[in-house]
Amino acid sequence: MRRLGLSALLLLALTGCGGSSGPTAQAVVDDFAAAGLAVPDVRDNTPQNCGSLGCTQLITTEALTVVQFDDSAAAQRYADAFADNAHLDGPIVLQYAAARTPEDQRPGYEARLREFLTAQG
């Protein structure tokens, strides 16, 4: 019986039950890097920030910040707080304020995010 309990826990962990489903902020940043977009000095600031912001994961780079939420409504509230300094796509927000991302670079990140999310299904 104990093995069954352990197997069930492993299955839950592998399927992500109880956590956010879908792509993580880290996966988005990794995809940006693989596509040749600048994401220097990657830092996981989830522990310091997500408790107060209500996010699932927050990855900061010198180019932009990628924030993951459990749902689109929470992401929308966060993005609204930054107005023109954020881009929302489902549960992912690209936040430009902290890095002061130049406006001419933002469309590249936004287009790649859309491609990445579409590929994820």
C-alpha atoms as a PDB file:
ATOM      1  CA  MET A   1       0.000   0.000   0.000  1.00  0.00           C
ATOM      2  CA  ARG A   2       2.874   2.351   0.736  1.00  0.00           C
ATOM      3  CA  ARG A   3       4.246   1.905  -2.795  1.00  0.00           C
ATOM      4  CA  LEU A   4       0.922   2.881  -4.277  1.00  0.00           C
ATOM      5  CA  GLY A   5       0.940   6.050  -2.184  1.00  0.00           C
ATOM      6  CA  LEU A   6       4.445   6.930  -3.356  1.00  0.00           C
ATOM      7  CA  SER A   7       3.517   6.185  -6.961  1.00  0.00           C
ATOM      8  CA  ALA A   8       0.488   8.414  -6.689  1.00  0.00           C
ATOM      9  CA  LEU A   9       2.609  11.242  -5.282  1.00  0.00           C
ATOM     10  CA  LEU A  10       5.143  10.853  -8.083  1.00  0.00           C
ATOM     11  CA  LEU A  11       2.380  10.899 -10.669  1.00  0.00           C
ATOM     12  CA  LEU A  12       0.919  14.067  -9.170  1.00  0.00           C
ATOM     13  CA  ALA A  13       4.326  15.714  -9.171  1.00  0.00           C
ATOM     14  CA  LEU A  14       4.991  14.750 -12.776  1.00  0.00           C
ATOM     15  CA  THR A  15       1.595  15.907 -14.030  1.00  0.00           C
ATOM     16  CA  GLY A  16       1.781  19.190 -12.143  1.00  0.00           C
ATOM     17  CA  CYS A  17      -1.384  18.619 -10.172  1.00  0.00           C
ATOM     18  CA  GLY A  18      -1.882  21.327  -7.621  1.00  0.00           C
ATOM     19  CA  GLY A  19       0.349  23.784  -9.480  1.00  0.00           C
ATOM     20  CA  SER A  20       0.227  25.935 -12.545  1.00  0.00           C
ATOM     21  CA  SER A  21      -0.128  24.225 -15.873  1.00  0.00           C
ATOM     22  CA  GLY A  22       1.272  25.554 -19.086  1.00  0.00           C
ATOM     23  CA  PRO A  23       4.594  27.156 -19.874  1.00  0.00           C
ATOM     24  CA  THR A  24       6.635  28.637 -17.078  1.00  0.00           C
ATOM     25  CA  ALA A  25       8.305  32.036 -17.054  1.00  0.00           C
ATOM     26  CA  GLN A  26      11.652  30.228 -17.104  1.00  0.00           C
ATOM     27  CA  ALA A  27      10.616  28.256 -20.210  1.00  0.00           C
ATOM     28  CA  VAL A  28       9.699  31.543 -21.922  1.00  0.00           C
ATOM     29  CA  VAL A  29      13.100  33.046 -21.075  1.00  0.00           C
ATOM     30  CA  ASP A  30      14.845  29.868 -22.266  1.00  0.00           C
ATOM     31  CA  ASP A  31      12.913  30.062 -25.535  1.00  0.00           C
ATOM     32  CA  PHE A  32      13.866  33.720 -25.982  1.00  0.00           C
ATOM     33  CA  ALA A  33      17.527  32.793 -25.557  1.00  0.00           C
ATOM     34  CA  ALA A  34      17.236  29.876 -28.002  1.00  0.00           C
ATOM     35  CA  ALA A  35      15.652  32.240 -30.551  1.00  0.00           C
ATOM     36  CA  GLY A  36      18.569  34.667 -30.211  1.00  0.00           C
ATOM     37  CA  LEU A  37      16.761  37.340 -28.207  1.00  0.00           C
ATOM     38  CA  ALA A  38      18.779  39.083 -25.521  1.00  0.00           C
ATOM     39  CA  VAL A  39      18.103  37.827 -21.987  1.00  0.00           C
ATOM     40  CA  PRO A  40      21.295  38.689 -20.101  1.00  0.00           C
ATOM     41  CA  ASP A  41      21.782  38.009 -16.408  1.00  0.00           C
ATOM     42  CA  VAL A  42      18.822  35.673 -15.786  1.00  0.00           C
ATOM     43  CA  ARG A  43      17.642  35.645 -12.172  1.00  0.00           C
ATOM     44  CA  ASP A  44      14.777  33.726 -10.564  1.00  0.00           C
ATOM     45  CA  ASN A  45      13.125  36.270  -8.275  1.00  0.00           C
ATOM     46  CA  THR A  46      10.116  34.092  -7.505  1.00  0.00           C
ATOM     47  CA  PRO A  47      10.788  33.688  -3.759  1.00  0.00           C
ATOM     48  CA  GLN A  48      11.319  37.404  -3.197  1.00  0.00           C
ATOM     49  CA  ASN A  49       8.358  38.655  -5.238  1.00  0.00           C
ATOM     50  CA  CYS A  50       5.622  36.146  -6.004  1.00  0.00           C
ATOM     51  CA  GLY A  51       4.248  35.990  -2.488  1.00  0.00           C
ATOM     52  CA  SER A  52       3.252  39.652  -2.595  1.00  0.00           C
ATOM     53  CA  LEU A  53       2.395  39.766  -6.316  1.00  0.00           C
ATOM     54  CA  GLY A  54       0.404  36.541  -6.460  1.00  0.00           C
ATOM     55  CA  CYS A  55       2.460  35.157  -9.322  1.00  0.00           C
ATOM     56  CA  THR A  56       3.684  31.615  -9.873  1.00  0.00           C
ATOM     57  CA  GLN A  57       7.134  32.473 -11.203  1.00  0.00           C
ATOM     58  CA  LEU A  58       9.061  35.692 -11.848  1.00  0.00           C
ATOM     59  CA  ILE A  59      12.227  35.653 -13.938  1.00  0.00           C
ATOM     60  CA  THR A  60      14.196  38.874 -14.257  1.00  0.00           C
ATOM     61  CA  THR A  61      16.798  39.689 -16.885  1.00  0.00           C
ATOM     62  CA  GLU A  62      18.580  42.877 -17.828  1.00  0.00           C
ATOM     63  CA  ALA A  63      16.332  43.031 -20.932  1.00  0.00           C
ATOM     64  CA  LEU A  64      12.877  42.391 -19.409  1.00  0.00           C
ATOM     65  CA  THR A  65      10.991  40.547 -16.683  1.00  0.00           C
ATOM     66  CA  VAL A  66       8.782  37.537 -17.426  1.00  0.00           C
ATOM     67  CA  VAL A  67       5.998  36.862 -14.927  1.00  0.00           C
ATOM     68  CA  GLN A  68       3.814  33.751 -14.855  1.00  0.00           C
ATOM     69  CA  PHE A  69       0.403  33.596 -13.184  1.00  0.00           C
ATOM     70  CA  ASP A  70      -1.977  30.707 -12.533  1.00  0.00           C
ATOM     71  CA  ASP A  71      -4.663  32.333 -14.640  1.00  0.00           C
ATOM     72  CA  SER A  72      -5.210  35.073 -17.196  1.00  0.00           C
ATOM     73  CA  ALA A  73      -7.324  37.228 -14.859  1.00  0.00           C
ATOM     74  CA  ALA A  74      -4.492  37.569 -12.328  1.00  0.00           C
ATOM     75  CA  ALA A  75      -2.055  38.265 -15.157  1.00  0.00           C
ATOM     76  CA  GLN A  76      -4.391  40.955 -16.512  1.00  0.00           C
ATOM     77  CA  ARG A  77      -4.532  42.737 -13.141  1.00  0.00           C
ATOM     78  CA  TYR A  78      -0.730  42.751 -12.954  1.00  0.00           C
ATOM     79  CA  ALA A  79      -0.299  43.929 -16.557  1.00  0.00           C
ATOM     80  CA  ASP A  80      -2.866  46.709 -16.053  1.00  0.00           C
ATOM     81  CA  ALA A  81      -0.727  48.129 -13.243  1.00  0.00           C
ATOM     82  CA  PHE A  82       2.110  48.705 -15.732  1.00  0.00           C
ATOM     83  CA  ALA A  83      -0.012  50.030 -18.617  1.00  0.00           C
ATOM     84  CA  ASP A  84       2.283  50.529 -21.634  1.00  0.00           C
ATOM     85  CA  ASN A  85       5.245  48.920 -19.855  1.00  0.00           C
ATOM     86  CA  ALA A  86       3.784  45.413 -19.983  1.00  0.00           C
ATOM     87  CA  HIS A  87       2.543  42.918 -22.540  1.00  0.00           C
ATOM     88  CA  LEU A  88      -0.010  40.266 -21.613  1.00  0.00           C
ATOM     89  CA  ASP A  89      -0.469  36.940 -23.378  1.00  0.00           C
ATOM     90  CA  GLY A  90      -2.601  34.480 -21.417  1.00  0.00           C
ATOM     91  CA  PRO A  91      -1.034  33.841 -18.005  1.00  0.00           C
ATOM     92  CA  ILE A  92       2.340  35.347 -19.034  1.00  0.00           C
ATOM     93  CA  VAL A  93       3.263  39.012 -18.663  1.00  0.00           C
ATOM     94  CA  LEU A  94       6.333  40.605 -20.181  1.00  0.00           C
ATOM     95  CA  GLN A  95       7.156  43.546 -17.931  1.00  0.00           C
ATOM     96  CA  TYR A  96       9.457  46.197 -19.341  1.00  0.00           C
ATOM     97  CA  ALA A  97       9.557  48.858 -16.615  1.00  0.00           C
ATOM     98  CA  ALA A  98      12.355  47.491 -14.414  1.00  0.00           C
ATOM     99  CA  ALA A  99      14.741  46.840 -17.319  1.00  0.00           C
ATOM    100  CA  ARG A 100      13.638  49.942 -19.218  1.00  0.00           C
ATOM    101  CA  THR A 101      13.312  47.817 -22.352  1.00  0.00           C
ATOM    102  CA  PRO A 102      13.547  50.074 -25.418  1.00  0.00           C
ATOM    103  CA  GLU A 103      10.225  50.271 -27.263  1.00  0.00           C
ATOM    104  CA  ASP A 104      11.776  49.175 -30.565  1.00  0.00           C
ATOM    105  CA  GLN A 105      12.871  45.848 -28.994  1.00  0.00           C
ATOM    106  CA  ARG A 106       9.516  44.946 -27.442  1.00  0.00           C
ATOM    107  CA  PRO A 107       7.766  43.645 -30.601  1.00  0.00           C
ATOM    108  CA  GLY A 108      10.438  40.951 -31.016  1.00  0.00           C
ATOM    109  CA  TYR A 109       9.813  39.565 -27.532  1.00  0.00           C
ATOM    110  CA  GLU A 110       6.041  39.812 -27.970  1.00  0.00           C
ATOM    111  CA  ALA A 111       6.043  38.014 -31.331  1.00  0.00           C
ATOM    112  CA  ARG A 112       8.304  35.267 -29.999  1.00  0.00           C
ATOM    113  CA  LEU A 113       6.103  34.835 -26.908  1.00  0.00           C
ATOM    114  CA  ARG A 114       3.037  34.399 -29.154  1.00  0.00           C
ATOM    115  CA  GLU A 115       4.897  31.801 -31.271  1.00  0.00           C
ATOM    116  CA  PHE A 116       6.073  29.968 -28.161  1.00  0.00           C
ATOM    117  CA  LEU A 117       2.615  29.880 -26.546  1.00  0.00           C
ATOM    118  CA  THR A 118       0.989  28.767 -29.797  1.00  0.00           C
ATOM    119  CA  ALA A 119       3.505  25.929 -30.133  1.00  0.00           C
ATOM    120  CA  GLN A 120       2.755  24.862 -26.551  1.00  0.00           C
ATOM    121  CA  GLY A 121      -0.892  24.388 -27.534  1.00  0.00           C
END
